[in-house]
Amino acid sequence: MSGGKIVGHTRGGEEWTPQFVVALDQSTCIGCGRCYKVCPRNVFELVERGSVENLDDDDDFYDDDDEMMVMSISNEMDCIGCMSCSKVCPKNCHSHQEAA
């Protein structure tokens, strides 16, 4: 640790500051599963979006039986800060921060 921050080093000796996942915007997530597949620590899980509650009752676009599946952060504390999830996400759903 350097100055209270978590700092890693590459194999070549360069400093690297991990950026840990802190949020995932389910309103833009398409449930493609790319972040789930690339995450080395099983930080994510597939869940029902629950987007029906965000739509008007008279909106016939979604049927209650056609619930969309999206990603959710299930184990935030297991994130290693590699940001692989953001690198593969086509919708930029993930937010990251350095650990203080």
Protein backbone atom coordinates (compact mmCIF):
# COMPACT_ATOMS: atom_id res chain seq x y z
CA MET A 1 0.00 0.00 0.00
CA SER A 2 1.18 3.46 -0.82
CA GLY A 3 -0.33 6.55 0.84
CA GLY A 4 -3.45 4.68 1.99
CA LYS A 5 -4.33 3.48 -1.52
CA ILE A 6 -4.14 -0.04 -2.81
CA VAL A 7 -1.42 -0.21 -5.43
CA GLY A 8 -0.36 -3.24 -7.42
CA HIS A 9 2.61 -3.82 -9.64
CA THR A 10 2.77 -5.30 -13.11
CA ARG A 11 5.25 -8.03 -13.87
CA GLY A 12 7.44 -5.30 -15.37
CA GLY A 13 7.39 -3.42 -12.06
CA GLU A 14 5.07 -0.56 -13.05
CA GLU A 15 2.54 0.62 -10.46
CA TRP A 16 -1.12 -0.11 -11.14
CA THR A 17 -4.11 1.14 -9.13
CA PRO A 18 -7.08 -1.25 -9.10
CA GLN A 19 -10.53 0.18 -9.78
CA PHE A 20 -13.17 -1.82 -7.90
CA VAL A 21 -16.74 -2.26 -9.16
CA VAL A 22 -19.18 -0.24 -7.03
CA ALA A 23 -22.33 -0.18 -9.17
CA LEU A 24 -24.03 -1.78 -12.15
CA ASP A 25 -26.78 0.09 -14.03
CA GLN A 26 -29.47 -2.54 -14.59
CA SER A 27 -31.58 -0.10 -16.60
CA THR A 28 -29.01 -0.23 -19.42
CA CYS A 29 -27.82 -3.83 -18.94
CA ILE A 30 -28.89 -6.19 -21.74
CA GLY A 31 -28.05 -9.38 -19.83
CA CYS A 32 -25.43 -10.53 -22.34
CA GLY A 33 -23.35 -12.16 -19.59
CA ARG A 34 -19.99 -10.93 -20.86
CA CYS A 35 -19.03 -9.44 -17.48
CA TYR A 36 -20.05 -12.68 -15.74
CA LYS A 37 -17.93 -14.77 -18.10
CA VAL A 38 -14.80 -12.61 -17.86
CA CYS A 39 -14.87 -12.00 -14.08
CA PRO A 40 -12.23 -14.16 -12.37
CA ARG A 41 -13.91 -13.85 -8.94
CA ASN A 42 -17.64 -14.53 -9.55
CA VAL A 43 -18.68 -11.00 -8.54
CA PHE A 44 -21.84 -11.03 -10.72
CA GLU A 45 -25.04 -13.04 -10.98
CA LEU A 46 -27.95 -13.11 -13.42
CA VAL A 47 -31.25 -11.86 -11.95
CA GLU A 48 -34.64 -10.70 -13.16
CA ARG A 49 -34.53 -6.99 -13.95
CA GLY A 50 -37.89 -6.12 -12.44
CA SER A 51 -38.29 -3.51 -15.17
CA VAL A 52 -42.04 -4.04 -15.32
CA GLU A 53 -42.34 -1.77 -12.27
CA ASN A 54 -40.58 1.00 -14.23
CA LEU A 55 -43.15 0.90 -17.02
CA ASP A 56 -46.65 2.34 -17.06
CA ASP A 57 -49.40 -0.15 -16.27
CA ASP A 58 -50.91 0.36 -19.74
CA ASP A 59 -47.62 -0.32 -21.53
CA ASP A 60 -48.10 -3.59 -23.42
CA PHE A 61 -44.48 -3.85 -24.56
CA TYR A 62 -43.54 -6.23 -21.74
CA ASP A 63 -45.65 -9.09 -20.56
CA ASP A 64 -45.31 -10.11 -16.89
CA ASP A 65 -44.18 -13.56 -18.08
CA ASP A 66 -41.40 -12.08 -20.25
CA GLU A 67 -39.16 -10.78 -17.48
CA MET A 68 -35.73 -9.77 -18.78
CA MET A 69 -32.65 -11.17 -17.12
CA VAL A 70 -29.79 -8.77 -16.28
CA MET A 71 -26.60 -8.82 -14.27
CA SER A 72 -26.34 -7.85 -10.63
CA ILE A 73 -23.40 -7.43 -8.28
CA SER A 74 -23.64 -10.36 -5.90
CA ASN A 75 -20.21 -10.27 -4.25
CA GLU A 76 -18.76 -6.75 -4.44
CA MET A 77 -16.12 -7.48 -1.79
CA ASP A 78 -14.59 -10.22 -3.96
CA CYS A 79 -13.76 -7.78 -6.78
CA ILE A 80 -10.01 -7.55 -7.48
CA GLY A 81 -10.24 -4.27 -9.39
CA CYS A 82 -9.15 -5.56 -12.81
CA MET A 83 -12.01 -3.76 -14.62
CA SER A 84 -12.41 -6.66 -17.06
CA CYS A 85 -16.18 -6.32 -16.72
CA SER A 86 -16.12 -2.74 -18.02
CA LYS A 87 -13.81 -3.63 -20.86
CA VAL A 88 -16.25 -6.20 -22.29
CA CYS A 89 -19.57 -4.47 -21.50
CA PRO A 90 -21.21 -3.15 -24.69
CA LYS A 91 -23.47 -0.79 -22.69
CA ASN A 92 -20.98 0.67 -20.15
CA CYS A 93 -23.09 -0.49 -17.21
CA HIS A 94 -20.32 -0.72 -14.58
CA SER A 95 -18.99 2.00 -12.29
CA HIS A 96 -15.63 1.65 -10.56
CA GLN A 97 -13.64 3.45 -7.85
CA GLU A 98 -10.25 3.20 -6.26
CA ALA A 99 -10.27 1.85 -2.72
CA ALA A 100 -9.54 4.55 -0.16
